[in-house]
Amino acid sequence: MPAAKAAAAKPSAPTPRTRAKRLHEKAAYDRTSIDAILDAMPVAHVGYVLEGCPVVTPTLQWREGDRIYWHGSAASRMLKTARGTPCCVTVTLTDGMVLARSGLEHSVNYRSVMIFGDAVEVTDTAAKSAHLRAMMDQMFPGRWDQLRPMTAQELKATRILSLPLSEASAKISAGPPTDPPEDRAWPVWAGVLPIQLTMGPPEPVPDLDPGLAVPDHAASYRFGQPPQG
């Protein structure tokens, strides 16, 4: 495909504030790239304004179709403040430290997503329960049905916010350092230090019935990777 046609075929930024201003060649605006990052990394950071000051709070997110969701206590300062107001949610996977032959060219290999919008609260009781089940089923398939049922009070004490993916963009950096030709003979090691997230062996609670085996959804869970099943 000619370069002009390839550029035309590449999805463009959905809004001006999602368009990459620097290193635009690393930007990705297609849903395949965005969804893959969101599905691989549940940890997100929610940026919002509290009493005139910017605040960023870490939380867990999950995606259902064209929206992401996050939840917490109904008394949460972040959830109460962010609902109905503009916020920015970011998700990042760190894949490697990039060591170059000059300080300027050192960098990080990463995959990230930024989502902008006005956070919407889920208030319908049945919908809240369905979204919490979806979160659990995505992370630990089959676990929801094994749990003690959620009480009405617990559901009332939980707040869920959501953002559409209509204003989202990804940025992906991969590969070796981009040393300029004049630096390539400099006698210092250069390359990539890969980063991988690994899980340790499951640790049961001290009072667990010894007859209860580790379920498959716990033994097979891999943090920082797309959900299985």
Protein backbone atom coordinates (compact mmCIF):
# COMPACT_ATOMS: atom_id res chain seq x y z
CA MET A 1 0.00 0.00 0.00
CA PRO A 2 1.46 3.43 -0.91
CA ALA A 3 2.46 5.63 2.05
CA ALA A 4 -0.26 8.19 1.28
CA LYS A 5 -2.97 5.53 1.23
CA ALA A 6 -1.60 3.89 4.39
CA ALA A 7 -1.70 7.22 6.20
CA ALA A 8 -5.24 7.84 5.02
CA ALA A 9 -6.33 4.38 6.19
CA LYS A 10 -4.93 4.88 9.69
CA PRO A 11 -7.63 6.03 12.15
CA SER A 12 -7.34 9.66 13.20
CA ALA A 13 -7.73 11.12 16.68
CA PRO A 14 -11.41 11.28 17.68
CA THR A 15 -11.00 14.77 19.24
CA PRO A 16 -8.30 17.45 19.40
CA ARG A 17 -7.40 16.65 23.01
CA THR A 18 -6.77 12.99 22.23
CA ARG A 19 -4.42 13.76 19.35
CA ALA A 20 -0.77 13.09 20.20
CA LYS A 21 1.14 16.36 20.10
CA ARG A 22 4.62 14.79 20.27
CA LEU A 23 5.91 11.47 18.93
CA HIS A 24 2.69 11.20 16.96
CA GLU A 25 4.04 8.14 15.14
CA LYS A 26 3.57 6.20 18.40
CA ALA A 27 -0.12 7.13 18.64
CA ALA A 28 -2.89 4.63 17.92
CA TYR A 29 -6.55 5.58 17.69
CA ASP A 30 -8.06 2.25 16.63
CA ARG A 31 -10.24 0.35 19.07
CA THR A 32 -8.28 -2.87 18.64
CA SER A 33 -5.17 -1.27 20.16
CA ILE A 34 -7.11 0.61 22.83
CA ASP A 35 -9.18 -2.39 23.92
CA ALA A 36 -6.14 -4.69 24.09
CA ILE A 37 -4.37 -2.38 26.54
CA LEU A 38 -7.44 -1.81 28.69
CA ASP A 39 -8.17 -5.54 28.84
CA ALA A 40 -4.57 -6.39 29.75
CA MET A 41 -4.12 -3.93 32.63
CA PRO A 42 -6.81 -3.47 35.30
CA VAL A 43 -4.92 -0.77 37.23
CA ALA A 44 -5.92 2.74 36.17
CA HIS A 45 -5.37 6.28 37.41
CA VAL A 46 -8.28 8.72 37.50
CA GLY A 47 -7.45 12.41 37.16
CA TYR A 48 -9.99 14.98 38.35
CA VAL A 49 -10.16 18.38 40.04
CA LEU A 50 -10.89 18.60 43.76
CA GLU A 51 -11.42 22.00 45.32
CA GLY A 52 -9.44 23.64 42.53
CA CYS A 53 -6.49 21.24 42.71
CA PRO A 54 -5.64 18.37 40.34
CA VAL A 55 -5.79 14.93 41.98
CA VAL A 56 -4.91 11.53 40.52
CA THR A 57 -6.24 8.41 42.24
CA PRO A 58 -5.33 4.79 41.40
CA THR A 59 -8.14 2.28 41.08
CA LEU A 60 -9.20 -0.82 39.13
CA GLN A 61 -11.00 -0.50 35.80
CA TRP A 62 -12.73 -2.96 33.52
CA ARG A 63 -14.14 -2.64 30.03
CA GLU A 64 -17.58 -3.67 28.83
CA GLY A 65 -17.97 -3.02 25.14
CA ASP A 66 -17.62 0.68 24.44
CA ARG A 67 -17.23 1.84 28.05
CA ILE A 68 -14.89 1.45 30.99
CA TYR A 69 -16.05 1.25 34.60
CA TRP A 70 -14.49 1.69 38.01
CA HIS A 71 -15.94 1.35 41.48
CA GLY A 72 -15.36 1.89 45.18
CA SER A 73 -17.02 3.02 48.35
CA ALA A 74 -20.00 5.34 47.99
CA ALA A 75 -18.14 7.61 50.42
CA SER A 76 -15.03 7.75 48.22
CA ARG A 77 -13.83 11.31 47.69
CA MET A 78 -12.72 10.49 44.16
CA LEU A 79 -15.99 8.85 43.14
CA LYS A 80 -18.15 11.59 44.63
CA THR A 81 -16.07 14.33 43.02
CA ALA A 82 -15.56 12.78 39.58
CA ARG A 83 -19.20 11.89 38.89
CA GLY A 84 -20.75 14.21 36.34
CA THR A 85 -17.51 16.14 35.83
CA PRO A 86 -14.67 16.05 33.29
CA CYS A 87 -11.96 13.56 34.15
CA CYS A 88 -9.12 11.68 32.51
CA VAL A 89 -8.47 7.98 33.05
CA THR A 90 -5.08 6.51 32.12
CA VAL A 91 -3.92 2.90 31.89
CA THR A 92 -0.26 1.97 31.35
CA LEU A 93 1.77 -1.19 30.77
CA THR A 94 5.55 -0.86 31.16
CA ASP A 95 7.36 -3.31 28.87
CA GLY A 96 11.03 -2.39 29.14
CA MET A 97 13.74 0.08 30.06
CA VAL A 98 15.56 1.33 26.96
CA LEU A 99 19.28 2.07 27.44
CA ALA A 100 20.87 4.15 24.72
CA ARG A 101 24.38 5.46 24.09
CA SER A 102 23.43 8.95 25.26
CA GLY A 103 21.34 10.16 28.17
CA LEU A 104 18.94 11.93 25.84
CA GLU A 105 17.94 8.76 23.98
CA HIS A 106 17.16 6.66 27.08
CA SER A 107 13.46 5.83 27.24
CA VAL A 108 10.82 3.30 28.24
CA ASN A 109 8.89 0.81 26.14
CA TYR A 110 5.24 1.09 27.10
CA ARG A 111 1.61 0.75 26.05
CA SER A 112 -0.80 3.36 27.38
CA VAL A 113 -4.34 4.63 26.95
CA MET A 114 -5.89 7.98 27.86
CA ILE A 115 -9.66 8.43 28.06
CA PHE A 116 -11.39 11.79 28.42
CA GLY A 117 -15.00 12.54 29.26
CA ASP A 118 -17.58 13.33 31.91
CA ALA A 119 -17.84 10.44 34.35
CA VAL A 120 -21.34 8.95 34.56
CA GLU A 121 -22.59 7.24 37.71
CA VAL A 122 -24.43 3.94 37.47
CA THR A 123 -27.39 4.29 39.84
CA ASP A 124 -29.76 1.46 38.88
CA THR A 125 -29.40 -1.34 41.42
CA ALA A 126 -29.71 -4.18 38.90
CA ALA A 127 -27.22 -2.51 36.57
CA LYS A 128 -24.73 -2.04 39.41
CA SER A 129 -24.95 -5.70 40.31
CA ALA A 130 -24.51 -6.72 36.65
CA HIS A 131 -21.44 -4.51 36.21
CA LEU A 132 -19.80 -5.84 39.38
CA ARG A 133 -20.42 -9.37 38.17
CA ALA A 134 -18.89 -8.49 34.79
CA MET A 135 -15.77 -7.17 36.55
CA MET A 136 -15.38 -10.37 38.57
CA ASP A 137 -16.10 -12.65 35.63
CA GLN A 138 -13.49 -10.90 33.49
CA MET A 139 -10.76 -11.15 36.11
CA PHE A 140 -11.69 -14.50 37.68
CA PRO A 141 -14.12 -16.42 35.44
CA GLY A 142 -16.68 -18.41 37.42
CA ARG A 143 -15.84 -16.90 40.81
CA TRP A 144 -18.95 -14.70 41.15
CA ASP A 145 -21.24 -17.73 41.40
CA GLN A 146 -19.03 -19.23 44.12
CA LEU A 147 -19.14 -16.14 46.35
CA ARG A 148 -21.48 -15.31 49.21
CA PRO A 149 -24.22 -13.22 47.53
CA MET A 150 -23.85 -9.46 47.79
CA THR A 151 -26.30 -7.85 50.21
CA ALA A 152 -28.51 -4.88 49.40
CA GLN A 153 -26.54 -2.77 51.89
CA GLU A 154 -23.22 -3.69 50.26
CA LEU A 155 -24.59 -2.74 46.87
CA LYS A 156 -25.88 0.56 48.26
CA ALA A 157 -22.46 1.28 49.77
CA THR A 158 -20.77 0.78 46.37
CA ARG A 159 -20.49 3.51 43.75
CA ILE A 160 -19.71 2.81 40.08
CA LEU A 161 -18.60 5.38 37.53
CA SER A 162 -18.23 4.96 33.78
CA LEU A 163 -16.70 6.64 30.74
CA PRO A 164 -17.40 5.99 27.05
CA LEU A 165 -14.46 5.15 24.80
CA SER A 166 -15.54 7.74 22.25
CA GLU A 167 -12.68 10.04 23.29
CA ALA A 168 -9.74 7.69 23.82
CA SER A 169 -6.29 7.24 22.34
CA ALA A 170 -3.37 4.88 22.80
CA LYS A 171 0.36 5.46 22.65
CA ILE A 172 2.78 2.61 22.14
CA SER A 173 6.57 2.64 22.31
CA ALA A 174 8.54 -0.50 21.45
CA GLY A 175 11.90 -1.61 20.16
CA PRO A 176 15.56 -0.68 20.72
CA PRO A 177 16.94 2.81 21.36
CA THR A 178 17.04 5.19 18.42
CA ASP A 179 20.69 6.20 18.62
CA PRO A 180 21.80 8.55 15.84
CA PRO A 181 24.41 7.12 13.47
CA GLU A 182 27.23 9.17 14.99
CA ASP A 183 26.63 7.54 18.42
CA ARG A 184 26.59 3.90 17.33
CA ALA A 185 30.33 3.38 17.68
CA TRP A 186 30.39 4.76 21.24
CA PRO A 187 31.77 1.97 23.52
CA VAL A 188 28.90 1.56 25.97
CA TRP A 189 26.29 -1.21 26.24
CA ALA A 190 22.92 -0.31 24.71
CA GLY A 191 19.72 -2.27 24.45
CA VAL A 192 16.43 -3.11 26.18
CA LEU A 193 15.81 -4.49 29.68
CA PRO A 194 12.49 -6.33 29.29
CA ILE A 195 9.96 -5.99 32.10
CA GLN A 196 7.50 -8.77 32.87
CA LEU A 197 4.82 -8.95 35.56
CA THR A 198 4.79 -12.36 37.23
CA MET A 199 2.50 -13.97 39.80
CA GLY A 200 3.74 -15.72 42.92
CA PRO A 201 2.16 -18.90 44.27
CA PRO A 202 -1.33 -18.39 45.80
CA GLU A 203 -1.27 -17.75 49.55
CA PRO A 204 -4.41 -18.99 51.38
CA VAL A 205 -5.85 -17.12 54.35
CA PRO A 206 -4.78 -18.67 57.68
CA ASP A 207 -8.32 -19.83 58.55
CA LEU A 208 -9.07 -21.47 55.17
CA ASP A 209 -10.63 -24.92 55.21
CA PRO A 210 -7.72 -27.20 54.22
CA GLY A 211 -10.07 -29.12 51.95
CA LEU A 212 -10.54 -26.14 49.62
CA ALA A 213 -8.19 -26.28 46.64
CA VAL A 214 -6.94 -23.25 44.74
CA PRO A 215 -9.49 -22.63 41.94
CA ASP A 216 -8.34 -22.49 38.35
CA HIS A 217 -9.28 -18.83 38.02
CA ALA A 218 -6.81 -18.00 40.82
CA ALA A 219 -4.05 -20.40 39.83
CA SER A 220 -4.11 -19.29 36.19
CA TYR A 221 -4.49 -15.53 36.74
CA ARG A 222 -1.78 -13.43 35.07
CA PHE A 223 -1.57 -9.76 35.96
CA GLY A 224 -0.91 -7.42 33.06
CA GLN A 225 -2.24 -9.82 30.43
CA PRO A 226 -5.62 -10.08 28.69
CA PRO A 227 -8.17 -12.15 30.64
CA GLN A 228 -8.39 -15.81 29.66
CA GLY A 229 -11.51 -17.78 28.86
